[in-house]
Amino acid sequence: MKDAYCTSGSSPGSMCTEPDFLLSDEGSIFLLQPLTPAAVSWIEENISDDHMTFGSAVVVEHRFIADIVRGAIADGLAVRG
C-alpha cells in the first residue's frame, strides 16, 4: 500500500523510502523483520548463524538491537520501526 504523502511529493524523501527492515519492540525482545533480499543477505553476513527466529524475523535482545540497527543503517539499509 502506497503512502499518500510519499506519492504526492509533500513528504520528506527519507520517510518515503521503502524499508529493508521492519523493527518491532515486543517488550522483552525486538523482532527484526527483513523485507528485501538485501536485508536477508545482510542478516546472513552480519548476524551469527545460531540466532533465534520468530517466523522470518530475527529475535534480538535489547542489549544488542542498537548496534545491529546502526550497522544495518551504516551499510545503507533502511530500518523502520
Protein backbone atom coordinates (compact mmCIF):
# COMPACT_ATOMS: atom_id res chain seq x y z
CA MET A 1 0.00 0.00 0.00
CA LYS A 2 1.43 3.38 -1.01
CA ASP A 3 1.64 6.29 1.43
CA ALA A 4 -0.37 9.27 0.10
CA TYR A 5 2.21 11.76 1.40
CA CYS A 6 5.00 9.96 -0.47
CA THR A 7 3.11 9.73 -3.75
CA SER A 8 2.02 13.38 -3.59
CA GLY A 9 5.59 14.59 -3.10
CA SER A 10 4.74 16.55 0.06
CA SER A 11 6.69 14.35 2.46
CA PRO A 12 10.45 14.24 3.06
CA GLY A 13 12.14 11.65 0.84
CA SER A 14 13.72 9.66 3.67
CA MET A 15 10.30 8.81 5.09
CA CYS A 16 9.17 7.56 1.68
CA THR A 17 11.97 5.07 1.17
CA GLU A 18 10.69 1.52 1.33
CA PRO A 19 12.34 -0.05 4.39
CA ASP A 20 14.63 -3.03 4.20
CA PHE A 21 13.77 -3.99 7.78
CA LEU A 22 10.75 -3.59 10.00
CA LEU A 23 11.68 -3.35 13.67
CA SER A 24 9.13 -4.08 16.38
CA ASP A 25 9.58 -3.78 20.13
CA GLU A 26 7.81 -6.72 21.74
CA GLY A 27 8.65 -5.85 25.35
CA SER A 28 11.43 -8.18 26.41
CA ILE A 29 12.78 -8.65 22.86
CA PHE A 30 12.86 -6.94 19.47
CA LEU A 31 11.87 -8.55 16.17
CA LEU A 32 13.91 -7.52 13.14
CA GLN A 33 11.92 -8.48 10.05
CA PRO A 34 13.79 -8.47 6.73
CA LEU A 35 11.60 -7.10 3.93
CA THR A 36 14.03 -7.13 1.00
CA PRO A 37 16.58 -9.54 -0.46
CA ALA A 38 19.29 -7.07 0.62
CA ALA A 39 18.09 -7.35 4.23
CA VAL A 40 18.11 -11.15 4.09
CA SER A 41 21.68 -11.06 2.75
CA TRP A 42 22.71 -8.58 5.44
CA ILE A 43 21.41 -10.90 8.16
CA GLU A 44 23.30 -13.84 6.65
CA GLU A 45 26.52 -11.81 6.60
CA ASN A 46 26.21 -9.96 9.93
CA ILE A 47 24.15 -11.99 12.40
CA SER A 48 25.51 -15.20 13.90
CA ASP A 49 24.22 -18.45 12.43
CA ASP A 50 22.77 -19.54 15.76
CA HIS A 51 20.34 -16.61 16.00
CA MET A 52 16.77 -17.26 17.08
CA THR A 53 13.92 -16.51 14.70
CA PHE A 54 10.21 -15.97 15.01
CA GLY A 55 8.79 -16.63 11.57
CA SER A 56 11.27 -14.89 9.29
CA ALA A 57 12.12 -12.21 11.87
CA VAL A 58 15.33 -12.30 13.89
CA VAL A 59 14.77 -12.20 17.66
CA VAL A 60 17.13 -9.67 19.26
CA GLU A 61 17.75 -8.84 22.91
CA HIS A 62 17.57 -5.19 23.98
CA ARG A 63 21.30 -5.02 24.69
CA PHE A 64 22.16 -5.81 21.05
CA ILE A 65 19.49 -4.03 18.99
CA ALA A 66 21.08 -0.56 18.85
CA ASP A 67 24.36 -1.88 17.44
CA ILE A 68 22.55 -4.09 14.93
CA VAL A 69 20.35 -1.25 13.67
CA ARG A 70 23.33 1.14 13.48
CA GLY A 71 25.24 -1.47 11.48
CA ALA A 72 22.40 -2.01 9.02
CA ILE A 73 21.97 1.74 8.52
CA ALA A 74 25.73 2.23 8.11
CA ASP A 75 25.61 -0.38 5.34
CA GLY A 76 22.93 1.62 3.52
CA LEU A 77 19.80 -0.25 4.60
CA ALA A 78 16.62 1.42 5.80
CA VAL A 79 15.08 0.34 9.11
CA ARG A 80 11.57 1.38 10.07
CA GLY A 81 10.08 0.76 13.47
